[in-house]
Amino acid sequence: MNHKISAFCDKIDSVKKMSDILREMKYGEEKAPTNEIDAMIQTIQADCLLLANDKGDYAKENYDYSGVDHGFDHGLYDSEKK
């Protein structure tokens, strides 16, 4: 697993929230247009693929599922106190 368990669980929560929204879009009183429903399905499928491909050894870093390093040790900031 490449990411922290907490990030993995947060991503699963996100997929669940999107699935609830999708259900409302499809079966709610005001139906969403087909292209919006299809876009939501594709987003959910893409996130599920990210989860499915999260394999390998965990290395403690500041990356999330976007692949962005959220740490401040990448040279943009002077972290050394003077």
C-alpha atoms as a PDB file:
ATOM      1  CA  MET A   1       0.000   0.000   0.000  1.00  0.00           C
ATOM      2  CA  ASN A   2       1.579   3.271  -1.109  1.00  0.00           C
ATOM      3  CA  HIS A   3      -0.562   5.618   0.974  1.00  0.00           C
ATOM      4  CA  LYS A   4      -1.489   5.860   4.622  1.00  0.00           C
ATOM      5  CA  ILE A   5      -4.453   3.797   5.769  1.00  0.00           C
ATOM      6  CA  SER A   6      -6.215   7.016   6.789  1.00  0.00           C
ATOM      7  CA  ALA A   7      -5.841   8.453   3.252  1.00  0.00           C
ATOM      8  CA  PHE A   8      -7.105   5.170   1.811  1.00  0.00           C
ATOM      9  CA  CYS A   9     -10.147   5.248   4.093  1.00  0.00           C
ATOM     10  CA  ASP A  10     -10.779   8.920   3.308  1.00  0.00           C
ATOM     11  CA  LYS A  11     -10.786   8.091  -0.414  1.00  0.00           C
ATOM     12  CA  ILE A  12     -13.311   5.305   0.194  1.00  0.00           C
ATOM     13  CA  ASP A  13     -15.503   7.767   2.119  1.00  0.00           C
ATOM     14  CA  SER A  14     -15.255  10.141  -0.835  1.00  0.00           C
ATOM     15  CA  VAL A  15     -16.380   7.406  -3.245  1.00  0.00           C
ATOM     16  CA  LYS A  16     -19.335   6.625  -0.956  1.00  0.00           C
ATOM     17  CA  LYS A  17     -20.388  10.289  -0.896  1.00  0.00           C
ATOM     18  CA  MET A  18     -20.153  10.462  -4.687  1.00  0.00           C
ATOM     19  CA  SER A  19     -22.243   7.288  -4.991  1.00  0.00           C
ATOM     20  CA  ASP A  20     -24.926   8.837  -2.777  1.00  0.00           C
ATOM     21  CA  ILE A  21     -24.935  11.929  -4.999  1.00  0.00           C
ATOM     22  CA  LEU A  22     -25.114   9.721  -8.102  1.00  0.00           C
ATOM     23  CA  ARG A  23     -28.123   7.869  -6.713  1.00  0.00           C
ATOM     24  CA  GLU A  24     -29.885  11.186  -6.092  1.00  0.00           C
ATOM     25  CA  MET A  25     -28.924  12.421  -9.572  1.00  0.00           C
ATOM     26  CA  LYS A  26     -30.408   9.303 -11.179  1.00  0.00           C
ATOM     27  CA  TYR A  27     -33.414   8.532  -8.970  1.00  0.00           C
ATOM     28  CA  GLY A  28     -34.160  11.788  -7.147  1.00  0.00           C
ATOM     29  CA  GLU A  29     -37.127  14.056  -7.827  1.00  0.00           C
ATOM     30  CA  GLU A  30     -35.084  16.220 -10.191  1.00  0.00           C
ATOM     31  CA  LYS A  31     -33.199  13.942 -12.536  1.00  0.00           C
ATOM     32  CA  ALA A  32     -29.789  15.121 -13.728  1.00  0.00           C
ATOM     33  CA  PRO A  33     -28.908  15.144 -17.430  1.00  0.00           C
ATOM     34  CA  THR A  34     -27.417  11.909 -18.748  1.00  0.00           C
ATOM     35  CA  ASN A  35     -24.047  13.517 -19.466  1.00  0.00           C
ATOM     36  CA  GLU A  36     -23.715  14.636 -15.820  1.00  0.00           C
ATOM     37  CA  ILE A  37     -24.629  11.144 -14.593  1.00  0.00           C
ATOM     38  CA  ASP A  38     -22.090   9.603 -16.968  1.00  0.00           C
ATOM     39  CA  ALA A  39     -19.409  12.042 -15.771  1.00  0.00           C
ATOM     40  CA  MET A  40     -20.077  11.117 -12.140  1.00  0.00           C
ATOM     41  CA  ILE A  41     -19.865   7.408 -13.008  1.00  0.00           C
ATOM     42  CA  GLN A  42     -16.513   7.974 -14.717  1.00  0.00           C
ATOM     43  CA  THR A  43     -15.193   9.905 -11.716  1.00  0.00           C
ATOM     44  CA  ILE A  44     -16.235   7.141  -9.327  1.00  0.00           C
ATOM     45  CA  GLN A  45     -14.686   4.494 -11.571  1.00  0.00           C
ATOM     46  CA  ALA A  46     -11.427   6.461 -11.804  1.00  0.00           C
ATOM     47  CA  ASP A  47     -11.239   6.801  -8.025  1.00  0.00           C
ATOM     48  CA  CYS A  48     -11.940   3.093  -7.604  1.00  0.00           C
ATOM     49  CA  LEU A  49      -9.106   2.343 -10.028  1.00  0.00           C
ATOM     50  CA  LEU A  50      -6.768   4.520  -7.957  1.00  0.00           C
ATOM     51  CA  LEU A  51      -7.731   2.528  -4.876  1.00  0.00           C
ATOM     52  CA  ALA A  52      -7.335  -0.785  -6.665  1.00  0.00           C
ATOM     53  CA  ASN A  53      -3.865   0.125  -7.927  1.00  0.00           C
ATOM     54  CA  ASP A  54      -2.606   1.313  -4.536  1.00  0.00           C
ATOM     55  CA  LYS A  55      -0.161  -1.541  -4.120  1.00  0.00           C
ATOM     56  CA  GLY A  56       3.402  -1.791  -2.961  1.00  0.00           C
ATOM     57  CA  ASP A  57       5.278  -0.966   0.189  1.00  0.00           C
ATOM     58  CA  TYR A  58       4.188   2.028   2.229  1.00  0.00           C
ATOM     59  CA  ALA A  59       6.768   4.807   2.438  1.00  0.00           C
ATOM     60  CA  LYS A  60       5.942   7.631   4.813  1.00  0.00           C
ATOM     61  CA  GLU A  61       5.729  10.722   2.602  1.00  0.00           C
ATOM     62  CA  ASN A  62       3.368  13.645   2.227  1.00  0.00           C
ATOM     63  CA  TYR A  63       1.695  12.417  -0.953  1.00  0.00           C
ATOM     64  CA  ASP A  64      -2.047  11.980  -1.333  1.00  0.00           C
ATOM     65  CA  TYR A  65      -4.035  10.348  -4.095  1.00  0.00           C
ATOM     66  CA  SER A  66      -3.488  13.362  -6.368  1.00  0.00           C
ATOM     67  CA  GLY A  67       0.243  12.594  -6.395  1.00  0.00           C
ATOM     68  CA  VAL A  68       1.109  16.021  -5.008  1.00  0.00           C
ATOM     69  CA  ASP A  69       3.777  16.320  -2.326  1.00  0.00           C
ATOM     70  CA  HIS A  70       2.214  18.493   0.364  1.00  0.00           C
ATOM     71  CA  GLY A  71       5.391  18.781   2.394  1.00  0.00           C
ATOM     72  CA  PHE A  72       7.282  22.038   2.724  1.00  0.00           C
ATOM     73  CA  ASP A  73      10.727  20.519   2.374  1.00  0.00           C
ATOM     74  CA  HIS A  74      10.902  20.833  -1.409  1.00  0.00           C
ATOM     75  CA  GLY A  75      13.011  23.980  -1.553  1.00  0.00           C
ATOM     76  CA  LEU A  76      10.297  26.567  -2.094  1.00  0.00           C
ATOM     77  CA  TYR A  77      10.370  27.746   1.491  1.00  0.00           C
ATOM     78  CA  ASP A  78      13.262  28.534   3.756  1.00  0.00           C
ATOM     79  CA  SER A  79      12.518  26.157   6.609  1.00  0.00           C
ATOM     80  CA  GLU A  80      15.743  26.994   8.422  1.00  0.00           C
ATOM     81  CA  LYS A  81      15.190  29.283  11.397  1.00  0.00           C
ATOM     82  CA  LYS A  82      17.677  32.093  11.744  1.00  0.00           C
END
